[in-house]
Amino acid sequence: MKGEWTRAKIPAVKNAGAAKLLENYLGHLANERRLSRHTVLNYQRDIAALLELAADTPLAKLQLHNIRRFVAQLHARGLDGRSLARMLSAWRGFYRYLARDHGYTSNPCIGLRAPKSKKTLPQALSPDEAGRLMDLPDGAALATRDKAIFELFYSSGLRLSELTSLAPTDINFSDATVRVTGKGAKTRVVPVGSHALNAVQDWLRQRALLIKAGGDALFVNRNGTRLTPRAIQYRFKQWALKLGLDSDVHPHMLRHSFASHVLQSSGDLRAVQEMLGHASISTTQVYTHLDFQYLAKVYDAAHPRARKKS
C-alpha cells in the first residue's frame, strides 16, 4: 500500500518540515489505518492546501483565526461548503495525529464550521432511461464488458471504486450476491439481480481471452489489465451519447438510480442504507426527497386538478 501512495509526489511547499509531517501522516493512514489509495490521495490534496496557505508559518503556530482566514480564502476561490467541510475534517484529523505522535498541544481547526452550501439532490435516471443504458449491442468483447458493468452498478448500487476493485471470486452466482469492500475497508454483501448475473457470466467468457496471467481483476481493458475508474467514466459518456441519453451520465448516477428505484418500490430506507454501505441513515435519507420528486411529477402529469389551465 505504501509503495502505491508514495508514487504521488508531495506538492512543493515552503516549509520542508511540514511536508515531512504530511508524508509521515499519509504513511500512517495507508499502513496503520489501512485506508485506500484513493482516500489517502484525497487527504494528501486537502492537507497540501493547508501547507500552501500556511506558507512559512509553522503548523504549531497556527491558530483559529488563521484557519478561519484560510477557509475564507478557499471559499473566495470557489470551493463550496461541502468541499470546505471535507477539507476541515482532513485538517482536524492531521492535527489529532500531530498531537498524538509529535507533541502538538492544540488543534486550531476545532470549533470551526464550513459555510453552508446549497443543497442539491443527486441525479438519477428514470427506470426507462436506466433500461436504455443496459440495452447494449451483443457481440463485441468490450460491449459485453460494459453491459456487465452497467448492470452491476444498477443492480447492486456499487460505488465506482468498489466496482473497479472486484475480483471474479467476489461474485457468488449460487447466492446471487456480490462481496464489496467499501469505505473504511468495510465489507458488505449485496444482492445481485438475474440480469446482472447473466451479463457478468457473458463477460467472464470474454474476459478469459483477455486476462493476463496472474490477473485477478473482474473488469479488464483490451490489454488484459485492471480497468481504471477514469476509463469507466469515459465509457459511460460514450455509450450515453450513442444511446441518445444525457452526456452527463456518470457511474454514480446508476448508484443513485438504484437507491431511488429500490426505495420507490419497497419504501425500506434501512435496507437501502445497508445495501449502499452508508454509515448513517441521514446520508440515505436524501433518496426520500428523490422519491417525493418522482411522485410529484407523476401527480402533476396524472391528476386532473393538478394540471394548469391553458
Protein backbone atom coordinates (compact mmCIF):
# COMPACT_ATOMS: atom_id res chain seq x y z
CA MET A 1 0.00 0.00 0.00
CA LYS A 2 2.75 2.44 0.98
CA GLY A 3 4.54 1.94 -2.30
CA GLU A 4 1.34 2.84 -4.15
CA TRP A 5 0.53 6.13 -2.49
CA THR A 6 4.13 7.39 -2.37
CA ARG A 7 4.16 7.45 -6.16
CA ALA A 8 2.11 10.62 -5.86
CA LYS A 9 4.67 13.33 -5.20
CA ILE A 10 4.10 15.53 -2.16
CA PRO A 11 3.42 19.02 -3.59
CA ALA A 12 6.25 21.52 -3.12
CA VAL A 13 5.66 23.77 -0.10
CA LYS A 14 7.86 26.36 1.56
CA ASN A 15 8.02 24.52 4.88
CA ALA A 16 10.03 21.31 4.38
CA GLY A 17 9.36 20.22 7.94
CA ALA A 18 5.61 20.44 7.42
CA ALA A 19 5.91 18.48 4.18
CA LYS A 20 7.72 15.72 6.06
CA LEU A 21 4.98 15.62 8.69
CA LEU A 22 2.42 15.26 5.91
CA GLU A 23 4.39 12.41 4.35
CA ASN A 24 4.51 10.63 7.72
CA TYR A 25 0.78 11.15 8.21
CA LEU A 26 -0.02 9.67 4.81
CA GLY A 27 2.06 6.63 5.77
CA HIS A 28 0.02 6.36 8.97
CA LEU A 29 -3.25 6.48 7.00
CA ALA A 30 -2.08 3.89 4.49
CA ASN A 31 -0.29 1.44 6.76
CA GLU A 32 -1.93 1.77 10.17
CA ARG A 33 -5.49 2.80 9.31
CA ARG A 34 -5.40 0.80 6.05
CA LEU A 35 -7.26 3.44 4.06
CA SER A 36 -7.50 3.02 0.29
CA ARG A 37 -5.03 4.70 -2.04
CA HIS A 38 -7.81 6.92 -3.36
CA THR A 39 -8.71 8.11 0.16
CA VAL A 40 -5.06 8.71 1.10
CA LEU A 41 -4.54 10.82 -2.01
CA ASN A 42 -7.63 12.87 -1.10
CA TYR A 43 -6.15 13.55 2.34
CA GLN A 44 -2.87 14.49 0.69
CA ARG A 45 -4.56 17.03 -1.58
CA ASP A 46 -6.57 18.62 1.23
CA ILE A 47 -3.69 18.89 3.69
CA ALA A 48 -1.30 20.13 1.00
CA ALA A 49 -3.72 23.05 0.58
CA LEU A 50 -3.29 23.84 4.29
CA LEU A 51 0.51 23.79 3.98
CA GLU A 52 0.36 26.07 0.94
CA LEU A 53 -1.82 28.56 2.80
CA ALA A 54 0.35 28.41 5.91
CA ALA A 55 3.48 29.19 3.85
CA ASP A 56 6.35 29.91 6.31
CA THR A 57 4.19 29.77 9.43
CA PRO A 58 4.91 26.60 11.45
CA LEU A 59 1.90 24.33 11.86
CA ALA A 60 2.27 24.50 15.64
CA LYS A 61 1.84 28.29 15.49
CA LEU A 62 -1.43 28.32 13.52
CA GLN A 63 -4.47 29.48 15.48
CA LEU A 64 -8.21 29.53 14.93
CA HIS A 65 -8.16 32.94 13.24
CA ASN A 66 -5.55 31.67 10.75
CA ILE A 67 -7.68 28.67 9.83
CA ARG A 68 -10.77 30.87 9.54
CA ARG A 69 -8.88 33.13 7.11
CA PHE A 70 -7.69 30.11 5.08
CA VAL A 71 -11.27 28.86 4.77
CA ALA A 72 -12.40 32.31 3.63
CA GLN A 73 -9.66 32.39 1.01
CA LEU A 74 -10.62 28.97 -0.34
CA HIS A 75 -14.30 29.95 -0.35
CA ALA A 76 -13.41 33.06 -2.37
CA ARG A 77 -11.65 30.79 -4.89
CA GLY A 78 -14.92 28.98 -5.48
CA LEU A 79 -14.84 25.98 -3.12
CA ASP A 80 -18.32 25.17 -1.87
CA GLY A 81 -19.36 24.36 1.68
CA ARG A 82 -19.21 20.60 1.19
CA SER A 83 -15.64 20.72 -0.12
CA LEU A 84 -14.57 23.02 2.69
CA ALA A 85 -16.21 20.79 5.31
CA ARG A 86 -14.30 17.80 3.93
CA MET A 87 -11.08 19.81 3.96
CA LEU A 88 -11.59 20.97 7.56
CA SER A 89 -12.21 17.36 8.57
CA ALA A 90 -8.90 16.35 6.97
CA TRP A 91 -7.09 19.19 8.75
CA ARG A 92 -8.59 18.25 12.12
CA GLY A 93 -7.51 14.64 11.64
CA PHE A 94 -3.99 15.77 10.73
CA TYR A 95 -3.72 17.83 13.91
CA ARG A 96 -5.02 14.92 16.01
CA TYR A 97 -2.18 12.85 14.58
CA LEU A 98 0.32 15.64 15.30
CA ALA A 99 -0.90 15.79 18.91
CA ARG A 100 -0.61 12.04 19.34
CA ASP A 101 2.77 11.48 17.68
CA HIS A 102 4.52 14.84 17.60
CA GLY A 103 3.57 16.59 20.85
CA TYR A 104 1.31 19.31 19.41
CA THR A 105 -0.77 20.87 22.18
CA SER A 106 -3.68 22.43 20.28
CA ASN A 107 -5.92 21.80 17.29
CA PRO A 108 -6.79 25.16 15.66
CA CYS A 109 -9.45 23.54 13.45
CA ILE A 110 -11.75 22.55 16.31
CA GLY A 111 -14.94 24.57 16.59
CA LEU A 112 -14.79 25.96 13.07
CA ARG A 113 -17.59 25.14 10.63
CA ALA A 114 -17.55 25.48 6.88
CA PRO A 115 -20.03 27.86 5.23
CA LYS A 116 -23.27 26.18 4.26
CA SER A 117 -23.63 25.22 0.64
CA LYS A 118 -26.77 24.95 -1.41
CA LYS A 119 -28.30 21.51 -1.06
CA THR A 120 -28.56 19.65 -4.34
CA LEU A 121 -30.29 16.35 -4.89
CA PRO A 122 -28.32 13.55 -6.54
CA GLN A 123 -29.15 12.99 -10.20
CA ALA A 124 -30.89 9.75 -11.02
CA LEU A 125 -32.09 8.19 -14.26
CA SER A 126 -35.71 7.21 -14.74
CA PRO A 127 -36.37 3.45 -14.93
CA ASP A 128 -36.81 3.80 -18.71
CA GLU A 129 -33.51 5.67 -19.10
CA ALA A 130 -31.70 3.12 -16.96
CA GLY A 131 -33.17 0.34 -19.09
CA ARG A 132 -31.93 2.03 -22.27
CA LEU A 133 -28.42 2.22 -20.83
CA MET A 134 -28.50 -1.54 -20.18
CA ASP A 135 -29.57 -2.27 -23.76
CA LEU A 136 -26.12 -2.50 -25.33
CA PRO A 137 -25.46 -4.42 -28.56
CA ASP A 138 -24.30 -8.04 -28.25
CA GLY A 139 -21.11 -9.42 -29.70
CA ALA A 140 -18.03 -7.27 -29.14
CA ALA A 141 -16.00 -8.10 -26.04
CA LEU A 142 -15.86 -4.53 -24.75
CA ALA A 143 -19.59 -4.04 -25.22
CA THR A 144 -20.20 -7.27 -23.29
CA ARG A 145 -17.92 -5.99 -20.54
CA ASP A 146 -19.61 -2.59 -20.42
CA LYS A 147 -23.05 -4.18 -20.24
CA ALA A 148 -21.90 -6.24 -17.24
CA ILE A 149 -20.52 -3.10 -15.60
CA PHE A 150 -23.71 -1.12 -16.12
CA GLU A 151 -25.92 -3.97 -14.96
CA LEU A 152 -23.84 -4.48 -11.82
CA PHE A 153 -23.90 -0.78 -10.97
CA TYR A 154 -27.64 -0.59 -11.38
CA SER A 155 -28.39 -3.97 -9.80
CA SER A 156 -26.36 -3.51 -6.62
CA GLY A 157 -25.70 0.23 -6.19
CA LEU A 158 -21.92 -0.05 -6.11
CA ARG A 159 -19.51 2.85 -5.88
CA LEU A 160 -17.06 3.24 -8.76
CA SER A 161 -14.06 2.37 -6.57
CA GLU A 162 -15.89 -0.71 -5.29
CA LEU A 163 -16.60 -1.98 -8.78
CA THR A 164 -13.06 -1.49 -10.09
CA SER A 165 -11.63 -3.43 -7.14
CA LEU A 166 -13.83 -6.51 -7.70
CA ALA A 167 -12.39 -9.95 -8.46
CA PRO A 168 -14.37 -12.78 -10.10
CA THR A 169 -14.40 -14.60 -6.75
CA ASP A 170 -16.38 -11.71 -5.24
CA ILE A 171 -19.43 -12.73 -7.29
CA ASN A 172 -21.38 -15.61 -5.75
CA PHE A 173 -23.60 -16.94 -8.52
CA SER A 174 -25.30 -19.57 -6.35
CA ASP A 175 -26.36 -17.00 -3.73
CA ALA A 176 -26.83 -14.13 -6.25
CA THR A 177 -24.66 -11.79 -4.19
CA VAL A 178 -21.51 -9.69 -4.55
CA ARG A 179 -18.96 -9.14 -1.78
CA VAL A 180 -17.87 -5.50 -1.75
CA THR A 181 -15.10 -3.68 0.10
CA GLY A 182 -16.34 -0.13 0.68
CA LYS A 183 -15.20 2.97 2.53
CA GLY A 184 -13.01 2.35 5.57
CA ALA A 185 -12.19 -1.14 4.23
CA LYS A 186 -15.64 -2.31 5.42
CA THR A 187 -17.01 -5.38 3.67
CA ARG A 188 -20.67 -5.88 2.85
CA VAL A 189 -22.62 -8.43 0.82
CA VAL A 190 -25.17 -7.04 -1.62
CA PRO A 191 -27.81 -8.86 -3.72
CA VAL A 192 -27.28 -9.11 -7.48
CA GLY A 193 -30.18 -9.32 -9.92
CA SER A 194 -30.54 -12.03 -12.55
CA HIS A 195 -29.89 -9.64 -15.46
CA ALA A 196 -26.61 -8.57 -13.89
CA LEU A 197 -25.56 -12.16 -13.12
CA ASN A 198 -26.22 -13.18 -16.73
CA ALA A 199 -24.28 -10.18 -18.03
CA VAL A 200 -21.31 -10.96 -15.77
CA GLN A 201 -21.31 -14.61 -16.89
CA ASP A 202 -21.27 -13.48 -20.53
CA TRP A 203 -18.37 -11.15 -19.74
CA LEU A 204 -16.37 -13.85 -17.90
CA ARG A 205 -16.27 -15.90 -21.10
CA GLN A 206 -14.84 -12.89 -22.98
CA ARG A 207 -12.53 -11.98 -20.08
CA ALA A 208 -10.83 -15.38 -20.26
CA LEU A 209 -9.49 -14.40 -23.69
CA LEU A 210 -8.06 -11.09 -22.44
CA ILE A 211 -6.88 -11.54 -18.86
CA LYS A 212 -3.13 -11.69 -18.28
CA ALA A 213 -1.55 -14.46 -16.21
CA GLY A 214 -1.96 -13.78 -12.52
CA GLY A 215 -4.54 -11.04 -13.04
CA ASP A 216 -7.41 -11.06 -10.58
CA ALA A 217 -9.49 -8.08 -11.73
CA LEU A 218 -13.07 -8.80 -12.72
CA PHE A 219 -13.12 -5.99 -15.27
CA VAL A 220 -10.10 -5.51 -17.54
CA ASN A 221 -9.25 -3.49 -20.62
CA ARG A 222 -8.33 -4.80 -24.06
CA ASN A 223 -4.74 -5.30 -22.80
CA GLY A 224 -5.89 -7.58 -20.00
CA THR A 225 -5.12 -5.22 -17.12
CA ARG A 226 -7.48 -3.82 -14.49
CA LEU A 227 -9.91 -1.22 -15.80
CA THR A 228 -9.41 2.21 -14.24
CA PRO A 229 -12.18 4.45 -12.85
CA ARG A 230 -11.40 7.08 -15.49
CA ALA A 231 -11.80 4.53 -18.28
CA ILE A 232 -15.23 3.52 -16.95
CA GLN A 233 -16.31 7.16 -16.74
CA TYR A 234 -15.24 7.64 -20.35
CA ARG A 235 -17.19 4.56 -21.48
CA PHE A 236 -20.31 5.87 -19.73
CA LYS A 237 -20.14 9.12 -21.65
CA GLN A 238 -19.53 7.35 -24.95
CA TRP A 239 -22.46 4.98 -24.55
CA ALA A 240 -24.77 7.73 -23.29
CA LEU A 241 -24.11 9.70 -26.48
CA LYS A 242 -24.64 6.64 -28.70
CA LEU A 243 -27.90 5.77 -26.94
CA GLY A 244 -29.24 9.32 -27.04
CA LEU A 245 -29.03 9.92 -23.29
CA ASP A 246 -27.71 12.99 -21.50
CA SER A 247 -23.95 13.25 -21.98
CA ASP A 248 -23.55 13.94 -18.25
CA VAL A 249 -24.43 10.34 -17.35
CA HIS A 250 -21.77 9.02 -14.96
CA PRO A 251 -21.27 5.84 -12.86
CA HIS A 252 -22.54 7.35 -9.61
CA MET A 253 -25.80 8.20 -11.36
CA LEU A 254 -26.58 4.49 -11.59
CA ARG A 255 -25.91 4.15 -7.86
CA HIS A 256 -28.38 6.99 -7.25
CA SER A 257 -30.85 5.37 -9.64
CA PHE A 258 -30.54 2.03 -7.85
CA ALA A 259 -31.24 3.65 -4.47
CA SER A 260 -34.11 5.77 -5.72
CA HIS A 261 -35.85 2.97 -7.61
CA VAL A 262 -35.49 0.41 -4.80
CA LEU A 263 -36.85 2.95 -2.32
CA GLN A 264 -39.79 3.76 -4.62
CA SER A 265 -40.67 0.09 -4.81
CA SER A 266 -40.03 -1.00 -1.22
CA GLY A 267 -40.10 2.09 1.00
CA ASP A 268 -37.47 0.33 3.16
CA LEU A 269 -34.92 3.04 3.96
CA ARG A 270 -32.87 0.82 6.30
CA ALA A 271 -32.44 -1.86 3.66
CA VAL A 272 -31.29 0.72 1.11
CA GLN A 273 -28.83 2.11 3.69
CA GLU A 274 -27.35 -1.34 4.23
CA MET A 275 -27.06 -2.11 0.53
CA LEU A 276 -25.40 1.24 -0.20
CA GLY A 277 -22.99 0.85 2.71
CA HIS A 278 -23.90 4.19 4.30
CA ALA A 279 -22.65 4.60 7.87
CA SER A 280 -25.50 6.98 8.71
CA ILE A 281 -29.18 6.77 7.81
CA SER A 282 -29.16 10.55 7.25
CA THR A 283 -26.99 10.02 4.16
CA THR A 284 -29.58 7.64 2.73
CA GLN A 285 -32.50 9.93 3.51
CA VAL A 286 -31.68 12.16 0.54
CA TYR A 287 -33.29 9.48 -1.63
CA THR A 288 -36.64 10.05 0.10
CA HIS A 289 -36.55 13.53 -1.46
CA LEU A 290 -35.88 12.00 -4.88
CA ASP A 291 -38.78 9.66 -4.28
CA PHE A 292 -41.05 12.59 -3.43
CA GLN A 293 -39.89 14.45 -6.55
CA TYR A 294 -40.80 11.44 -8.66
CA LEU A 295 -44.23 11.12 -7.04
CA ALA A 296 -44.84 14.84 -7.51
CA LYS A 297 -44.11 14.53 -11.23
CA VAL A 298 -46.48 11.59 -11.53
CA TYR A 299 -49.17 13.56 -9.68
CA ASP A 300 -48.70 16.65 -11.86
CA ALA A 301 -48.96 14.54 -15.01
CA ALA A 302 -51.88 12.36 -13.93
CA HIS A 303 -54.16 14.27 -11.60
CA PRO A 304 -56.77 16.32 -13.47
CA ARG A 305 -56.81 19.02 -10.79
CA ALA A 306 -53.01 19.39 -10.86
CA ARG A 307 -52.81 20.47 -14.48
CA LYS A 308 -52.64 24.14 -15.24
CA LYS A 309 -55.40 25.53 -17.44
CA SER A 310 -54.21 26.76 -20.81
